[in-house]
N, C-alpha and C. Protein backbone atom coordinates (compact mmCIF):
# COMPACT_ATOMS: atom_id res chain seq x y z
N MET A 1 92.94 73.13 150.45
CA MET A 1 92.05 73.35 151.56
C MET A 1 90.74 72.57 151.38
N ARG A 2 90.28 72.50 150.12
CA ARG A 2 89.04 71.76 149.85
C ARG A 2 89.18 70.29 150.18
N ILE A 3 90.34 69.72 149.88
CA ILE A 3 90.53 68.29 150.16
C ILE A 3 90.45 68.01 151.65
N ILE A 4 90.94 68.93 152.47
CA ILE A 4 90.86 68.76 153.92
C ILE A 4 89.40 68.79 154.37
N LEU A 5 88.64 69.78 153.89
CA LEU A 5 87.24 69.89 154.28
C LEU A 5 86.43 68.69 153.82
N ILE A 6 86.64 68.24 152.60
CA ILE A 6 85.92 67.08 152.09
C ILE A 6 86.27 65.83 152.90
N SER A 7 87.54 65.66 153.22
CA SER A 7 87.96 64.50 154.02
C SER A 7 87.37 64.54 155.42
N LEU A 8 87.36 65.72 156.03
CA LEU A 8 86.79 65.84 157.37
C LEU A 8 85.29 65.52 157.37
N LEU A 9 84.58 66.05 156.40
CA LEU A 9 83.15 65.77 156.32
C LEU A 9 82.88 64.29 156.07
N SER A 10 83.69 63.66 155.23
CA SER A 10 83.52 62.23 154.96
C SER A 10 83.74 61.40 156.22
N LEU A 11 84.78 61.74 156.98
CA LEU A 11 85.07 61.00 158.20
C LEU A 11 83.98 61.19 159.25
N VAL A 12 83.45 62.40 159.36
CA VAL A 12 82.37 62.66 160.31
C VAL A 12 81.12 61.87 159.91
N CYS A 13 80.83 61.81 158.63
CA CYS A 13 79.66 61.04 158.16
C CYS A 13 79.84 59.56 158.44
N LEU A 14 81.05 59.05 158.25
CA LEU A 14 81.30 57.64 158.53
C LEU A 14 81.10 57.33 160.01
N THR A 15 81.54 58.22 160.87
CA THR A 15 81.42 57.96 162.31
C THR A 15 80.02 58.18 162.83
N SER A 16 79.18 58.88 162.08
CA SER A 16 77.83 59.11 162.55
C SER A 16 77.02 57.81 162.55
N THR A 17 77.47 56.80 161.82
CA THR A 17 76.76 55.52 161.81
C THR A 17 77.07 54.68 163.05
N ALA A 18 78.15 55.02 163.75
CA ALA A 18 78.49 54.30 164.98
C ALA A 18 77.53 54.74 166.08
N ARG A 19 76.76 53.81 166.60
CA ARG A 19 75.79 54.19 167.61
C ARG A 19 76.46 54.23 168.98
N ALA A 20 75.87 54.99 169.88
CA ALA A 20 76.43 55.16 171.21
C ALA A 20 76.05 53.96 172.07
N ASP A 21 76.85 52.91 172.03
CA ASP A 21 76.61 51.71 172.82
C ASP A 21 76.89 52.01 174.28
N GLU A 22 76.44 51.09 175.13
CA GLU A 22 76.83 51.18 176.53
C GLU A 22 78.33 51.01 176.59
N GLY A 23 78.95 51.71 177.48
CA GLY A 23 80.40 51.61 177.60
C GLY A 23 81.13 52.63 176.76
N SER A 24 80.40 53.57 176.14
CA SER A 24 81.10 54.59 175.37
C SER A 24 81.80 55.55 176.32
N THR A 25 82.94 56.05 175.88
CA THR A 25 83.76 56.94 176.72
C THR A 25 84.12 58.20 175.95
N ASN A 26 84.52 59.21 176.68
CA ASN A 26 85.03 60.46 176.14
C ASN A 26 86.41 60.69 176.73
N SER A 27 87.27 61.34 175.96
CA SER A 27 88.62 61.64 176.43
C SER A 27 89.00 63.03 175.96
N LEU A 28 89.79 63.71 176.78
CA LEU A 28 90.27 65.04 176.46
C LEU A 28 91.73 65.14 176.85
N GLY A 29 92.56 65.66 175.96
CA GLY A 29 93.99 65.78 176.26
C GLY A 29 94.75 66.41 175.12
N PHE A 30 95.98 65.96 174.94
CA PHE A 30 96.85 66.49 173.90
C PHE A 30 97.31 65.37 172.98
N ALA A 31 97.45 65.70 171.70
CA ALA A 31 97.88 64.71 170.71
C ALA A 31 98.83 65.37 169.72
N ALA A 32 99.70 64.54 169.16
CA ALA A 32 100.62 65.00 168.12
C ALA A 32 100.95 63.81 167.22
N GLY A 33 101.04 64.08 165.93
CA GLY A 33 101.43 63.03 165.02
C GLY A 33 101.01 63.31 163.60
N GLY A 34 101.46 62.43 162.73
CA GLY A 34 101.21 62.60 161.31
C GLY A 34 99.75 62.67 160.95
N THR A 35 98.95 61.70 161.38
CA THR A 35 97.54 61.69 161.02
C THR A 35 96.64 62.14 162.17
N TYR A 36 97.19 62.45 163.35
CA TYR A 36 96.41 63.02 164.44
C TYR A 36 96.32 64.53 164.31
N GLY A 37 97.34 65.14 163.78
CA GLY A 37 97.45 66.59 163.84
C GLY A 37 98.24 66.96 165.08
N LEU A 38 98.06 68.17 165.55
CA LEU A 38 98.81 68.66 166.71
C LEU A 38 97.92 69.55 167.54
N GLY A 39 97.87 69.31 168.86
CA GLY A 39 97.16 70.22 169.74
C GLY A 39 96.24 69.55 170.72
N LEU A 40 95.22 70.31 171.12
CA LEU A 40 94.20 69.83 172.04
C LEU A 40 93.35 68.80 171.32
N SER A 41 93.04 67.70 172.00
CA SER A 41 92.37 66.59 171.34
C SER A 41 91.18 66.10 172.15
N TYR A 42 90.09 65.76 171.44
CA TYR A 42 88.90 65.17 172.03
C TYR A 42 88.62 63.86 171.31
N SER A 43 88.28 62.82 172.08
CA SER A 43 88.00 61.51 171.51
C SER A 43 86.70 60.96 172.09
N HIS A 44 85.87 60.40 171.23
CA HIS A 44 84.67 59.69 171.67
C HIS A 44 84.80 58.25 171.16
N ASP A 45 84.71 57.30 172.08
CA ASP A 45 84.90 55.89 171.73
C ASP A 45 83.72 55.05 172.20
N THR A 46 83.30 54.14 171.33
CA THR A 46 82.35 53.10 171.71
C THR A 46 83.15 51.80 171.78
N PRO A 47 82.55 50.71 172.19
CA PRO A 47 83.32 49.46 172.23
C PRO A 47 83.88 49.02 170.87
N THR A 48 83.28 49.48 169.76
CA THR A 48 83.80 49.06 168.45
C THR A 48 84.40 50.18 167.63
N TRP A 49 83.87 51.42 167.73
CA TRP A 49 84.33 52.54 166.91
C TRP A 49 84.76 53.71 167.77
N GLY A 50 85.54 54.58 167.18
CA GLY A 50 85.92 55.81 167.87
C GLY A 50 86.30 56.89 166.87
N VAL A 51 86.23 58.12 167.32
CA VAL A 51 86.65 59.25 166.50
C VAL A 51 87.40 60.23 167.40
N GLN A 52 88.46 60.80 166.86
CA GLN A 52 89.29 61.73 167.61
C GLN A 52 89.51 62.99 166.77
N PHE A 53 89.27 64.16 167.39
CA PHE A 53 89.47 65.46 166.75
C PHE A 53 90.61 66.18 167.46
N THR A 54 91.50 66.77 166.70
CA THR A 54 92.64 67.49 167.27
C THR A 54 92.79 68.82 166.56
N ALA A 55 93.10 69.90 167.32
CA ALA A 55 93.29 71.21 166.69
C ALA A 55 94.20 72.09 167.54
N LEU A 56 94.95 72.93 166.85
CA LEU A 56 95.80 73.92 167.51
C LEU A 56 95.90 75.16 166.63
N PRO A 57 95.11 76.19 166.94
CA PRO A 57 95.25 77.44 166.19
C PRO A 57 96.12 78.43 166.96
N LEU A 58 97.17 78.91 166.34
CA LEU A 58 98.02 79.96 166.88
C LEU A 58 98.14 81.03 165.80
N TRP A 59 97.42 82.13 165.96
CA TRP A 59 97.39 83.11 164.88
C TRP A 59 97.42 84.52 165.45
N ASP A 60 98.17 85.38 164.79
CA ASP A 60 98.29 86.78 165.14
C ASP A 60 98.17 87.59 163.85
N SER A 61 97.40 88.64 163.85
CA SER A 61 97.16 89.39 162.61
C SER A 61 98.43 90.04 162.06
N GLU A 62 99.39 90.35 162.92
CA GLU A 62 100.63 90.98 162.45
C GLU A 62 101.71 89.97 162.07
N ASP A 63 101.92 88.99 162.92
CA ASP A 63 103.03 88.05 162.70
C ASP A 63 102.63 86.79 161.96
N GLY A 64 101.32 86.58 161.76
CA GLY A 64 100.87 85.34 161.13
C GLY A 64 100.74 84.26 162.19
N GLY A 65 100.95 83.03 161.81
CA GLY A 65 100.85 81.95 162.77
C GLY A 65 100.70 80.61 162.11
N GLN A 66 100.11 79.68 162.86
CA GLN A 66 99.96 78.30 162.40
C GLN A 66 98.60 77.79 162.85
N VAL A 67 97.99 76.99 162.00
CA VAL A 67 96.75 76.30 162.35
C VAL A 67 96.92 74.85 161.94
N PHE A 68 96.84 73.94 162.91
CA PHE A 68 96.98 72.52 162.65
C PHE A 68 95.76 71.80 163.18
N GLY A 69 95.40 70.68 162.55
CA GLY A 69 94.28 69.91 163.03
C GLY A 69 94.18 68.57 162.33
N GLY A 70 93.32 67.71 162.87
CA GLY A 70 93.15 66.40 162.26
C GLY A 70 91.92 65.69 162.79
N VAL A 71 91.49 64.70 162.03
CA VAL A 71 90.39 63.81 162.40
C VAL A 71 90.87 62.39 162.18
N ASN A 72 90.62 61.54 163.17
CA ASN A 72 91.07 60.15 163.11
C ASN A 72 89.91 59.25 163.50
N VAL A 73 89.56 58.30 162.64
CA VAL A 73 88.51 57.32 162.92
C VAL A 73 89.20 56.01 163.25
N LYS A 74 88.77 55.36 164.35
CA LYS A 74 89.42 54.10 164.72
C LYS A 74 88.41 52.98 164.90
N ARG A 75 88.89 51.80 164.64
CA ARG A 75 88.10 50.57 164.80
C ARG A 75 88.82 49.73 165.84
N ASN A 76 88.16 49.51 166.99
CA ASN A 76 88.77 48.74 168.07
C ASN A 76 88.77 47.26 167.72
N PHE A 77 89.94 46.64 167.82
CA PHE A 77 90.05 45.20 167.59
C PHE A 77 89.85 44.43 168.89
N HIS A 78 90.49 44.90 169.96
CA HIS A 78 90.39 44.22 171.25
C HIS A 78 90.73 45.20 172.36
N GLU A 79 89.98 45.12 173.46
CA GLU A 79 90.29 45.93 174.64
C GLU A 79 89.89 45.14 175.87
N ASN A 80 90.78 45.12 176.86
CA ASN A 80 90.49 44.38 178.08
C ASN A 80 90.32 45.29 179.30
N GLY A 81 90.13 46.58 179.09
CA GLY A 81 89.96 47.51 180.20
C GLY A 81 91.25 48.23 180.57
N LYS A 82 92.38 47.68 180.22
CA LYS A 82 93.68 48.31 180.50
C LYS A 82 94.48 48.58 179.23
N VAL A 83 94.41 47.65 178.27
CA VAL A 83 95.15 47.77 177.02
C VAL A 83 94.20 47.48 175.86
N GLY A 84 94.35 48.24 174.80
CA GLY A 84 93.52 48.02 173.62
C GLY A 84 94.33 48.12 172.35
N LEU A 85 93.92 47.37 171.33
CA LEU A 85 94.53 47.42 170.01
C LEU A 85 93.48 47.90 169.02
N TYR A 86 93.90 48.73 168.07
CA TYR A 86 92.95 49.29 167.13
C TYR A 86 93.61 49.59 165.79
N GLY A 87 92.78 49.72 164.78
CA GLY A 87 93.20 50.20 163.47
C GLY A 87 92.55 51.56 163.24
N SER A 88 93.14 52.37 162.40
CA SER A 88 92.59 53.71 162.23
C SER A 88 92.83 54.24 160.82
N PHE A 89 92.13 55.32 160.51
CA PHE A 89 92.38 56.09 159.31
C PHE A 89 92.25 57.55 159.69
N GLY A 90 93.25 58.33 159.35
CA GLY A 90 93.24 59.72 159.76
C GLY A 90 93.62 60.68 158.65
N VAL A 91 93.18 61.91 158.81
CA VAL A 91 93.52 63.01 157.92
C VAL A 91 93.93 64.19 158.80
N ALA A 92 95.10 64.74 158.54
CA ALA A 92 95.56 65.90 159.30
C ALA A 92 96.13 66.91 158.32
N GLY A 93 96.13 68.13 158.74
CA GLY A 93 96.67 69.17 157.88
C GLY A 93 96.94 70.43 158.65
N GLY A 94 97.53 71.35 157.96
CA GLY A 94 97.80 72.63 158.60
C GLY A 94 98.23 73.65 157.58
N PHE A 95 98.16 74.89 157.99
CA PHE A 95 98.71 75.95 157.17
C PHE A 95 99.39 76.97 158.08
N TRP A 96 100.32 77.69 157.52
CA TRP A 96 101.11 78.63 158.30
C TRP A 96 101.42 79.85 157.46
N ARG A 97 101.66 80.92 158.15
CA ARG A 97 102.08 82.18 157.53
C ARG A 97 102.91 82.93 158.56
N GLU A 98 104.11 83.26 158.18
CA GLU A 98 105.00 83.99 159.06
C GLU A 98 105.48 85.24 158.35
N ASN A 99 105.26 86.38 158.98
CA ASN A 99 105.73 87.66 158.46
C ASN A 99 107.03 88.00 159.18
N GLU A 100 108.09 88.13 158.43
CA GLU A 100 109.39 88.45 159.00
C GLU A 100 109.91 89.73 158.38
N PHE A 101 110.62 90.51 159.19
CA PHE A 101 111.20 91.76 158.72
C PHE A 101 112.72 91.69 158.85
N GLU A 102 113.39 92.17 157.83
CA GLU A 102 114.85 92.26 157.85
C GLU A 102 115.20 93.72 157.62
N CYS A 103 115.93 94.30 158.56
CA CYS A 103 116.24 95.72 158.49
C CYS A 103 117.75 95.95 158.41
N ASP A 104 118.13 96.92 157.59
CA ASP A 104 119.52 97.37 157.49
C ASP A 104 119.57 98.83 157.95
N PHE A 105 120.50 99.12 158.83
CA PHE A 105 120.66 100.49 159.31
C PHE A 105 121.57 101.24 158.35
N ILE A 106 121.09 102.37 157.84
CA ILE A 106 121.86 103.20 156.92
C ILE A 106 122.43 104.37 157.72
N GLU A 107 123.76 104.36 157.90
CA GLU A 107 124.40 105.36 158.76
C GLU A 107 124.32 106.77 158.18
N ALA A 108 124.39 106.89 156.87
CA ALA A 108 124.38 108.23 156.26
C ALA A 108 123.09 108.99 156.56
N THR A 109 121.96 108.29 156.54
CA THR A 109 120.68 108.95 156.81
C THR A 109 120.16 108.65 158.21
N GLN A 110 120.85 107.80 158.95
CA GLN A 110 120.44 107.40 160.29
C GLN A 110 119.01 106.82 160.32
N THR A 111 118.71 106.01 159.31
CA THR A 111 117.39 105.38 159.22
C THR A 111 117.55 103.88 158.96
N ASP A 112 116.47 103.19 159.17
CA ASP A 112 116.43 101.75 158.87
C ASP A 112 115.73 101.54 157.54
N LYS A 113 116.29 100.65 156.74
CA LYS A 113 115.64 100.24 155.50
C LYS A 113 115.18 98.79 155.73
N CYS A 114 113.87 98.63 155.81
CA CYS A 114 113.32 97.32 156.17
C CYS A 114 112.59 96.69 154.98
N ARG A 115 112.69 95.35 154.92
CA ARG A 115 111.99 94.56 153.91
C ARG A 115 111.18 93.48 154.63
N GLU A 116 109.99 93.24 154.11
CA GLU A 116 109.14 92.21 154.70
C GLU A 116 109.22 90.93 153.87
N PHE A 117 109.38 89.80 154.55
CA PHE A 117 109.39 88.49 153.92
C PHE A 117 108.20 87.71 154.46
N VAL A 118 107.48 87.04 153.58
CA VAL A 118 106.33 86.24 153.99
C VAL A 118 106.60 84.79 153.62
N ASP A 119 106.55 83.93 154.63
CA ASP A 119 106.68 82.49 154.43
C ASP A 119 105.32 81.88 154.73
N GLU A 120 104.70 81.30 153.72
CA GLU A 120 103.39 80.68 153.94
C GLU A 120 103.30 79.38 153.16
N GLY A 121 102.45 78.51 153.65
CA GLY A 121 102.25 77.23 152.99
C GLY A 121 101.23 76.39 153.71
N TRP A 122 101.03 75.18 153.20
CA TRP A 122 100.09 74.24 153.79
C TRP A 122 100.60 72.83 153.56
N GLY A 123 100.08 71.89 154.34
CA GLY A 123 100.44 70.49 154.20
C GLY A 123 99.29 69.60 154.62
N VAL A 124 99.21 68.42 154.01
CA VAL A 124 98.16 67.45 154.31
C VAL A 124 98.83 66.08 154.47
N VAL A 125 98.37 65.33 155.47
CA VAL A 125 98.85 63.97 155.71
C VAL A 125 97.63 63.08 155.91
N THR A 126 97.62 61.91 155.28
CA THR A 126 96.49 60.99 155.45
C THR A 126 96.98 59.55 155.33
N GLY A 127 96.25 58.64 155.96
CA GLY A 127 96.60 57.24 155.83
C GLY A 127 96.06 56.37 156.94
N PRO A 128 96.15 55.05 156.75
CA PRO A 128 95.73 54.09 157.76
C PRO A 128 96.85 53.81 158.74
N GLY A 129 96.48 53.28 159.90
CA GLY A 129 97.50 52.94 160.88
C GLY A 129 96.99 51.89 161.86
N VAL A 130 97.91 51.38 162.67
CA VAL A 130 97.57 50.48 163.76
C VAL A 130 98.14 51.07 165.04
N GLY A 131 97.41 50.87 166.14
CA GLY A 131 97.86 51.48 167.38
C GLY A 131 97.50 50.68 168.60
N MET A 132 98.02 51.16 169.72
CA MET A 132 97.78 50.54 171.01
C MET A 132 97.48 51.66 172.00
N GLN A 133 96.53 51.40 172.89
CA GLN A 133 96.23 52.36 173.95
C GLN A 133 96.33 51.68 175.29
N VAL A 134 96.81 52.44 176.27
CA VAL A 134 97.01 51.92 177.62
C VAL A 134 96.29 52.85 178.59
N LEU A 135 95.46 52.28 179.45
CA LEU A 135 94.74 53.02 180.47
C LEU A 135 95.50 52.83 181.79
N PHE A 136 95.87 53.93 182.44
CA PHE A 136 96.60 53.85 183.71
C PHE A 136 96.06 54.89 184.68
N TRP A 137 96.37 54.74 185.95
CA TRP A 137 95.90 55.62 187.03
C TRP A 137 94.39 55.79 186.99
N GLY A 138 93.68 54.78 186.58
CA GLY A 138 92.23 54.83 186.55
C GLY A 138 91.64 55.50 185.33
N ASN A 139 92.01 56.75 185.07
CA ASN A 139 91.38 57.50 183.98
C ASN A 139 92.34 58.08 182.97
N MET A 140 93.62 57.85 183.08
CA MET A 140 94.58 58.41 182.13
C MET A 140 94.78 57.43 180.97
N LEU A 141 94.80 57.97 179.76
CA LEU A 141 94.89 57.16 178.55
C LEU A 141 96.10 57.60 177.74
N PHE A 142 96.93 56.64 177.35
CA PHE A 142 98.06 56.92 176.48
C PHE A 142 97.88 56.12 175.20
N ARG A 143 97.96 56.79 174.05
CA ARG A 143 97.84 56.12 172.76
C ARG A 143 99.13 56.29 171.97
N PHE A 144 99.52 55.19 171.31
CA PHE A 144 100.65 55.25 170.39
C PHE A 144 100.21 54.52 169.12
N GLU A 145 100.45 55.16 168.00
CA GLU A 145 99.99 54.60 166.73
C GLU A 145 101.05 54.82 165.65
N LEU A 146 101.15 53.86 164.76
CA LEU A 146 102.08 54.00 163.63
C LEU A 146 101.28 53.89 162.33
N PRO A 147 101.02 55.03 161.69
CA PRO A 147 100.31 55.01 160.41
C PRO A 147 101.28 54.94 159.24
N VAL A 148 100.78 54.55 158.10
CA VAL A 148 101.52 54.68 156.85
C VAL A 148 100.95 55.93 156.20
N ALA A 149 101.67 57.02 156.31
CA ALA A 149 101.13 58.32 155.96
C ALA A 149 101.58 58.77 154.57
N VAL A 150 100.61 59.21 153.80
CA VAL A 150 100.88 59.87 152.53
C VAL A 150 100.84 61.36 152.82
N ARG A 151 101.90 62.08 152.49
CA ARG A 151 101.96 63.50 152.81
C ARG A 151 102.22 64.32 151.54
N TYR A 152 101.63 65.51 151.55
CA TYR A 152 101.81 66.43 150.43
C TYR A 152 101.76 67.85 150.99
N SER A 153 102.62 68.73 150.46
CA SER A 153 102.62 70.11 150.94
C SER A 153 102.67 71.09 149.78
N SER A 154 102.43 72.35 150.09
CA SER A 154 102.33 73.39 149.07
C SER A 154 103.63 73.63 148.33
N ASP A 155 104.75 73.23 148.89
CA ASP A 155 106.02 73.42 148.18
C ASP A 155 106.30 72.28 147.20
N GLY A 156 105.34 71.39 147.02
CA GLY A 156 105.46 70.33 146.03
C GLY A 156 106.07 69.04 146.54
N THR A 157 106.45 68.98 147.80
CA THR A 157 107.03 67.74 148.33
C THR A 157 105.90 66.77 148.67
N TYR A 158 106.16 65.52 148.42
CA TYR A 158 105.21 64.48 148.77
C TYR A 158 106.01 63.24 149.14
N GLY A 159 105.35 62.31 149.80
CA GLY A 159 106.04 61.10 150.17
C GLY A 159 105.14 60.16 150.94
N LEU A 160 105.68 59.01 151.22
CA LEU A 160 105.02 57.96 151.98
C LEU A 160 105.94 57.63 153.14
N SER A 161 105.48 57.85 154.36
CA SER A 161 106.36 57.62 155.50
C SER A 161 105.56 57.27 156.75
N PRO A 162 106.18 56.53 157.66
CA PRO A 162 105.53 56.23 158.94
C PRO A 162 105.80 57.36 159.94
N ILE A 163 104.84 58.25 160.09
CA ILE A 163 104.97 59.36 161.03
C ILE A 163 104.15 59.00 162.27
N PRO A 164 104.77 58.67 163.40
CA PRO A 164 104.04 58.18 164.58
C PRO A 164 103.05 59.20 165.15
N ASN A 165 102.00 58.68 165.75
CA ASN A 165 101.01 59.48 166.48
C ASN A 165 101.11 59.11 167.95
N THR A 166 100.87 60.09 168.81
CA THR A 166 100.81 59.81 170.24
C THR A 166 99.81 60.76 170.88
N ALA A 167 99.17 60.31 171.94
CA ALA A 167 98.20 61.13 172.65
C ALA A 167 98.22 60.78 174.13
N LEU A 168 98.05 61.79 174.96
CA LEU A 168 97.90 61.62 176.41
C LEU A 168 96.61 62.32 176.78
N MET A 169 95.64 61.54 177.32
CA MET A 169 94.30 62.07 177.52
C MET A 169 93.72 61.63 178.85
N TYR A 170 92.75 62.40 179.34
CA TYR A 170 91.96 62.02 180.51
C TYR A 170 90.65 61.44 179.99
N ARG A 171 90.30 60.25 180.47
CA ARG A 171 89.11 59.54 179.96
C ARG A 171 88.03 59.47 181.03
N TRP A 172 86.77 59.70 180.62
CA TRP A 172 85.63 59.52 181.51
C TRP A 172 84.51 58.80 180.80
């Protein structure tokens, strides 16, 4: 959990140096992917730099749930008003906890014998990527990105894989 917080703070500090040039835009929509995270997404872009935040908390005190999120910093290489190419670096992660019950009915006593199982864990994905964004219908933005993602989770699995990112957002 500390690595996620440290990475998020580092990325926010890096983006704070990007000044709000003329032509900066904001976008709001949905995103999913290895280094984007999963959920509702907000993006602020200047002509040269951009930052995107994504989060999806689904939690219930009885059943548990999932919390996913990510931060992605991008550097615009070229944009002509309709199509843009960019490079990025992102950090995404999540944790989950699911409480499950398994019950056996005992006919002799006419009662249920129940056992609770808890499945919990966390995962982190980070890495650089290259992407393309397309502006259509005036204000709709579609992003597709292919990062080289390093992933690690609480069950000890790790790897290097291209986990695609995608986002559909309204831009103003």
